[in-house]
Amino acid sequence: MKHFYQINSSLIPITILLWFTFWGGMIAQTVLGIVQVAMSVSIMVHFKKLSKSIQILFTVYVILTISIIMLYRQIGNNGHGGIEHMFLFIIVTLLLAFFHLYITYKIKNYE
């Protein structure tokens, strides 16, 4: 899990830079999300080995992620897929990615 921070800290700037091409940003953010989901599964497997503060941060991250997915689906189901949809996809998920980066930073310093 020590390398998670290095991977995250490489992928996030690449994603931000690729957002200047729009389509590249969408693809990069999808790849970033898949990588972070894989990291999260590994963090869940080793959850008991982490400090209490990291456990709390990760739990908050999981709750936020599930809430945003539910909100994203609700917006899509109501047919209001305009600005809210793009804001949610681009900005909020990127903020979640930064939160995940912080969690992996804390894990790197914990081990």
N, C-alpha and C. Protein backbone atom coordinates (compact mmCIF):
# COMPACT_ATOMS: atom_id res chain seq x y z
N MET A 1 0.82 -1.20 0.00
CA MET A 1 0.00 0.00 0.00
C MET A 1 0.86 1.26 0.00
N LYS A 2 2.16 1.11 0.20
CA LYS A 2 3.05 2.27 0.22
C LYS A 2 3.09 2.97 -1.13
N HIS A 3 2.90 2.23 -2.20
CA HIS A 3 3.02 2.80 -3.53
C HIS A 3 1.73 3.47 -4.02
N PHE A 4 0.66 3.32 -3.28
CA PHE A 4 -0.62 3.91 -3.68
C PHE A 4 -0.49 5.43 -3.82
N TYR A 5 0.20 6.05 -2.88
CA TYR A 5 0.34 7.50 -2.94
C TYR A 5 1.10 7.93 -4.18
N GLN A 6 2.16 7.22 -4.52
CA GLN A 6 2.95 7.55 -5.71
C GLN A 6 2.11 7.42 -6.97
N ILE A 7 1.33 6.36 -7.06
CA ILE A 7 0.47 6.16 -8.22
C ILE A 7 -0.56 7.27 -8.31
N ASN A 8 -1.21 7.55 -7.19
CA ASN A 8 -2.23 8.61 -7.13
C ASN A 8 -1.64 9.97 -7.49
N SER A 9 -0.47 10.28 -6.91
CA SER A 9 0.13 11.60 -7.14
C SER A 9 0.64 11.75 -8.57
N SER A 10 0.74 10.67 -9.30
CA SER A 10 1.10 10.75 -10.73
C SER A 10 -0.15 10.88 -11.60
N LEU A 11 -1.19 10.13 -11.27
CA LEU A 11 -2.39 10.10 -12.10
C LEU A 11 -3.24 11.37 -11.99
N ILE A 12 -3.30 11.97 -10.83
CA ILE A 12 -4.16 13.15 -10.65
C ILE A 12 -3.68 14.34 -11.50
N PRO A 13 -2.39 14.71 -11.48
CA PRO A 13 -1.97 15.81 -12.36
C PRO A 13 -2.17 15.51 -13.85
N ILE A 14 -1.94 14.26 -14.23
CA ILE A 14 -2.16 13.87 -15.62
C ILE A 14 -3.63 14.07 -15.99
N THR A 15 -4.52 13.66 -15.09
CA THR A 15 -5.95 13.83 -15.33
C THR A 15 -6.32 15.30 -15.47
N ILE A 16 -5.78 16.12 -14.58
CA ILE A 16 -6.09 17.56 -14.62
C ILE A 16 -5.59 18.17 -15.93
N LEU A 17 -4.39 17.81 -16.34
CA LEU A 17 -3.86 18.33 -17.60
C LEU A 17 -4.68 17.87 -18.80
N LEU A 18 -5.12 16.62 -18.77
CA LEU A 18 -5.90 16.10 -19.89
C LEU A 18 -7.31 16.70 -19.95
N TRP A 19 -7.79 17.32 -18.85
CA TRP A 19 -9.09 17.97 -18.91
C TRP A 19 -9.08 19.16 -19.87
N PHE A 20 -7.90 19.68 -20.20
CA PHE A 20 -7.82 20.77 -21.18
C PHE A 20 -8.20 20.29 -22.57
N THR A 21 -8.18 18.97 -22.79
CA THR A 21 -8.61 18.41 -24.07
C THR A 21 -10.03 17.89 -23.99
N PHE A 22 -10.68 18.00 -22.87
CA PHE A 22 -12.02 17.54 -22.52
C PHE A 22 -12.17 16.03 -22.66
N TRP A 23 -12.12 15.48 -23.87
CA TRP A 23 -12.32 14.04 -24.02
C TRP A 23 -11.19 13.27 -23.35
N GLY A 24 -9.99 13.78 -23.44
CA GLY A 24 -8.87 13.14 -22.74
C GLY A 24 -9.08 13.14 -21.24
N GLY A 25 -9.64 14.24 -20.74
CA GLY A 25 -9.93 14.34 -19.31
C GLY A 25 -10.98 13.35 -18.86
N MET A 26 -11.99 13.16 -19.69
CA MET A 26 -13.04 12.19 -19.33
C MET A 26 -12.46 10.78 -19.28
N ILE A 27 -11.63 10.45 -20.23
CA ILE A 27 -11.02 9.12 -20.26
C ILE A 27 -10.06 8.97 -19.08
N ALA A 28 -9.23 9.99 -18.84
CA ALA A 28 -8.25 9.94 -17.76
C ALA A 28 -8.94 9.85 -16.40
N GLN A 29 -10.04 10.57 -16.23
CA GLN A 29 -10.74 10.53 -14.95
C GLN A 29 -11.39 9.17 -14.74
N THR A 30 -11.84 8.54 -15.81
CA THR A 30 -12.40 7.19 -15.70
C THR A 30 -11.30 6.21 -15.29
N VAL A 31 -10.13 6.33 -15.91
CA VAL A 31 -9.00 5.46 -15.55
C VAL A 31 -8.60 5.71 -14.10
N LEU A 32 -8.52 6.97 -13.70
CA LEU A 32 -8.19 7.32 -12.32
C LEU A 32 -9.19 6.70 -11.35
N GLY A 33 -10.47 6.76 -11.69
CA GLY A 33 -11.51 6.17 -10.85
C GLY A 33 -11.35 4.66 -10.71
N ILE A 34 -11.05 3.99 -11.80
CA ILE A 34 -10.86 2.53 -11.76
C ILE A 34 -9.65 2.18 -10.89
N VAL A 35 -8.57 2.93 -11.06
CA VAL A 35 -7.37 2.69 -10.25
C VAL A 35 -7.67 2.92 -8.77
N GLN A 36 -8.39 4.00 -8.46
CA GLN A 36 -8.70 4.29 -7.06
C GLN A 36 -9.67 3.28 -6.47
N VAL A 37 -10.57 2.73 -7.26
CA VAL A 37 -11.45 1.67 -6.77
C VAL A 37 -10.61 0.44 -6.42
N ALA A 38 -9.66 0.09 -7.29
CA ALA A 38 -8.79 -1.05 -7.00
C ALA A 38 -7.98 -0.81 -5.73
N MET A 39 -7.48 0.40 -5.55
CA MET A 39 -6.75 0.75 -4.34
C MET A 39 -7.66 0.64 -3.11
N SER A 40 -8.88 1.11 -3.26
CA SER A 40 -9.84 1.09 -2.15
C SER A 40 -10.16 -0.34 -1.71
N VAL A 41 -10.25 -1.24 -2.67
CA VAL A 41 -10.50 -2.65 -2.33
C VAL A 41 -9.33 -3.17 -1.51
N SER A 42 -8.12 -2.85 -1.91
CA SER A 42 -6.94 -3.28 -1.16
C SER A 42 -6.92 -2.64 0.23
N ILE A 43 -7.29 -1.38 0.31
CA ILE A 43 -7.35 -0.71 1.63
C ILE A 43 -8.39 -1.40 2.51
N MET A 44 -9.53 -1.78 1.94
CA MET A 44 -10.56 -2.48 2.72
C MET A 44 -10.04 -3.82 3.24
N VAL A 45 -9.25 -4.52 2.43
CA VAL A 45 -8.70 -5.81 2.85
C VAL A 45 -7.77 -5.63 4.05
N HIS A 46 -7.02 -4.53 4.06
CA HIS A 46 -6.06 -4.27 5.14
C HIS A 46 -6.57 -3.24 6.15
N PHE A 47 -7.87 -3.06 6.19
CA PHE A 47 -8.50 -2.01 7.00
C PHE A 47 -8.11 -2.09 8.48
N LYS A 48 -8.11 -3.28 9.05
CA LYS A 48 -7.83 -3.46 10.48
C LYS A 48 -6.39 -3.09 10.84
N LYS A 49 -5.49 -3.13 9.88
CA LYS A 49 -4.08 -2.82 10.13
C LYS A 49 -3.79 -1.33 10.16
N LEU A 50 -4.76 -0.52 9.72
CA LEU A 50 -4.56 0.92 9.63
C LEU A 50 -4.86 1.60 10.96
N SER A 51 -4.33 2.80 11.12
CA SER A 51 -4.60 3.56 12.34
C SER A 51 -6.07 3.98 12.39
N LYS A 52 -6.52 4.31 13.57
CA LYS A 52 -7.92 4.71 13.76
C LYS A 52 -8.27 5.94 12.92
N SER A 53 -7.37 6.91 12.85
CA SER A 53 -7.66 8.13 12.08
C SER A 53 -7.78 7.82 10.58
N ILE A 54 -6.95 6.91 10.07
CA ILE A 54 -7.05 6.54 8.66
C ILE A 54 -8.33 5.74 8.42
N GLN A 55 -8.70 4.90 9.37
CA GLN A 55 -9.95 4.15 9.25
C GLN A 55 -11.13 5.10 9.16
N ILE A 56 -11.13 6.14 9.97
CA ILE A 56 -12.22 7.12 9.96
C ILE A 56 -12.23 7.87 8.62
N LEU A 57 -11.08 8.33 8.17
CA LEU A 57 -11.00 9.03 6.88
C LEU A 57 -11.50 8.14 5.75
N PHE A 58 -11.09 6.89 5.75
CA PHE A 58 -11.50 6.00 4.67
C PHE A 58 -13.00 5.71 4.73
N THR A 59 -13.54 5.57 5.92
CA THR A 59 -14.98 5.36 6.07
C THR A 59 -15.76 6.56 5.54
N VAL A 60 -15.30 7.76 5.86
CA VAL A 60 -15.93 8.97 5.34
C VAL A 60 -15.84 8.99 3.82
N TYR A 61 -14.70 8.61 3.28
CA TYR A 61 -14.52 8.56 1.83
C TYR A 61 -15.52 7.60 1.19
N VAL A 62 -15.67 6.43 1.76
CA VAL A 62 -16.60 5.44 1.20
C VAL A 62 -18.04 5.95 1.26
N ILE A 63 -18.42 6.56 2.38
CA ILE A 63 -19.77 7.10 2.53
C ILE A 63 -20.01 8.23 1.51
N LEU A 64 -19.04 9.12 1.37
CA LEU A 64 -19.17 10.20 0.38
C LEU A 64 -19.28 9.65 -1.03
N THR A 65 -18.47 8.67 -1.35
CA THR A 65 -18.50 8.09 -2.69
C THR A 65 -19.84 7.45 -2.99
N ILE A 66 -20.37 6.69 -2.06
CA ILE A 66 -21.68 6.06 -2.26
C ILE A 66 -22.77 7.11 -2.38
N SER A 67 -22.70 8.15 -1.56
CA SER A 67 -23.70 9.22 -1.62
C SER A 67 -23.67 9.94 -2.96
N ILE A 68 -22.48 10.19 -3.47
CA ILE A 68 -22.37 10.89 -4.75
C ILE A 68 -22.85 10.01 -5.89
N ILE A 69 -22.58 8.72 -5.82
CA ILE A 69 -23.09 7.80 -6.85
C ILE A 69 -24.61 7.81 -6.83
N MET A 70 -25.20 7.77 -5.64
CA MET A 70 -26.66 7.79 -5.54
C MET A 70 -27.21 9.11 -6.07
N LEU A 71 -26.58 10.21 -5.75
CA LEU A 71 -27.01 11.52 -6.25
C LEU A 71 -26.87 11.58 -7.77
N TYR A 72 -25.78 11.08 -8.27
CA TYR A 72 -25.53 11.05 -9.72
C TYR A 72 -26.63 10.26 -10.44
N ARG A 73 -27.00 9.12 -9.89
CA ARG A 73 -28.07 8.31 -10.48
C ARG A 73 -29.42 9.03 -10.39
N GLN A 74 -29.67 9.70 -9.26
CA GLN A 74 -30.93 10.42 -9.08
C GLN A 74 -31.07 11.54 -10.10
N ILE A 75 -30.00 12.27 -10.32
CA ILE A 75 -30.03 13.35 -11.31
C ILE A 75 -30.29 12.78 -12.69
N GLY A 76 -29.63 11.67 -13.01
CA GLY A 76 -29.83 11.04 -14.31
C GLY A 76 -31.23 10.49 -14.48
N ASN A 77 -31.80 9.90 -13.42
CA ASN A 77 -33.15 9.34 -13.49
C ASN A 77 -34.22 10.41 -13.64
N ASN A 78 -33.97 11.59 -13.11
CA ASN A 78 -34.94 12.68 -13.20
C ASN A 78 -34.85 13.44 -14.51
N GLY A 79 -33.91 13.09 -15.34
CA GLY A 79 -33.77 13.76 -16.62
C GLY A 79 -33.15 15.13 -16.55
N HIS A 80 -32.53 15.45 -15.42
CA HIS A 80 -31.87 16.75 -15.27
C HIS A 80 -30.37 16.58 -15.48
N GLY A 81 -29.98 16.07 -16.61
CA GLY A 81 -28.59 15.73 -16.83
C GLY A 81 -27.72 16.83 -17.39
N GLY A 82 -28.08 18.07 -17.23
CA GLY A 82 -27.33 19.17 -17.81
C GLY A 82 -26.12 19.57 -16.99
N ILE A 83 -26.13 20.80 -16.53
CA ILE A 83 -25.01 21.38 -15.79
C ILE A 83 -24.71 20.60 -14.51
N GLU A 84 -25.75 20.19 -13.79
CA GLU A 84 -25.53 19.46 -12.54
C GLU A 84 -24.73 18.18 -12.80
N HIS A 85 -25.08 17.51 -13.86
CA HIS A 85 -24.42 16.26 -14.21
C HIS A 85 -22.93 16.49 -14.48
N MET A 86 -22.62 17.48 -15.27
CA MET A 86 -21.22 17.77 -15.59
C MET A 86 -20.46 18.26 -14.36
N PHE A 87 -21.08 19.12 -13.55
CA PHE A 87 -20.44 19.59 -12.32
C PHE A 87 -20.12 18.41 -11.42
N LEU A 88 -21.09 17.55 -11.26
CA LEU A 88 -20.90 16.38 -10.40
C LEU A 88 -19.79 15.49 -10.93
N PHE A 89 -19.80 15.24 -12.21
CA PHE A 89 -18.80 14.35 -12.80
C PHE A 89 -17.40 14.94 -12.73
N ILE A 90 -17.26 16.17 -13.14
CA ILE A 90 -15.92 16.76 -13.26
C ILE A 90 -15.38 17.24 -11.91
N ILE A 91 -16.08 18.12 -11.27
CA ILE A 91 -15.56 18.79 -10.08
C ILE A 91 -15.63 17.89 -8.84
N VAL A 92 -16.79 17.38 -8.54
CA VAL A 92 -16.97 16.63 -7.30
C VAL A 92 -16.16 15.34 -7.29
N THR A 93 -16.15 14.63 -8.43
CA THR A 93 -15.36 13.40 -8.45
C THR A 93 -13.86 13.69 -8.41
N LEU A 94 -13.45 14.82 -8.95
CA LEU A 94 -12.04 15.19 -8.83
C LEU A 94 -11.69 15.54 -7.38
N LEU A 95 -12.62 16.19 -6.69
CA LEU A 95 -12.40 16.46 -5.26
C LEU A 95 -12.32 15.16 -4.47
N LEU A 96 -13.15 14.20 -4.82
CA LEU A 96 -13.05 12.88 -4.19
C LEU A 96 -11.70 12.23 -4.47
N ALA A 97 -11.19 12.42 -5.67
CA ALA A 97 -9.88 11.88 -6.02
C ALA A 97 -8.79 12.51 -5.15
N PHE A 98 -8.90 13.82 -4.90
CA PHE A 98 -7.94 14.49 -4.01
C PHE A 98 -8.06 13.96 -2.58
N PHE A 99 -9.26 13.69 -2.13
CA PHE A 99 -9.46 13.12 -0.80
C PHE A 99 -8.81 11.73 -0.72
N HIS A 100 -8.98 10.95 -1.77
CA HIS A 100 -8.35 9.63 -1.83
C HIS A 100 -6.82 9.78 -1.82
N LEU A 101 -6.31 10.78 -2.52
CA LEU A 101 -4.88 11.06 -2.52
C LEU A 101 -4.40 11.35 -1.10
N TYR A 102 -5.16 12.15 -0.37
CA TYR A 102 -4.80 12.47 1.02
C TYR A 102 -4.79 11.21 1.88
N ILE A 103 -5.77 10.34 1.70
CA ILE A 103 -5.82 9.10 2.47
C ILE A 103 -4.60 8.23 2.16
N THR A 104 -4.24 8.12 0.89
CA THR A 104 -3.07 7.32 0.55
C THR A 104 -1.78 7.96 1.07
N TYR A 105 -1.76 9.29 1.14
CA TYR A 105 -0.62 9.98 1.74
C TYR A 105 -0.49 9.61 3.22
N LYS A 106 -1.62 9.62 3.92
CA LYS A 106 -1.61 9.26 5.34
C LYS A 106 -1.18 7.80 5.52
N ILE A 107 -1.63 6.91 4.64
CA ILE A 107 -1.25 5.50 4.73
C ILE A 107 0.25 5.36 4.49
N LYS A 108 0.77 6.08 3.51
CA LYS A 108 2.21 6.02 3.21
C LYS A 108 3.03 6.44 4.43
N ASN A 109 2.60 7.48 5.11
CA ASN A 109 3.33 7.96 6.28
C ASN A 109 3.10 7.09 7.51
N TYR A 110 2.03 6.32 7.51
CA TYR A 110 1.72 5.44 8.65
C TYR A 110 2.57 4.19 8.63
N GLU A 111 2.81 3.65 7.44
CA GLU A 111 3.54 2.39 7.33
C GLU A 111 5.00 2.53 7.57
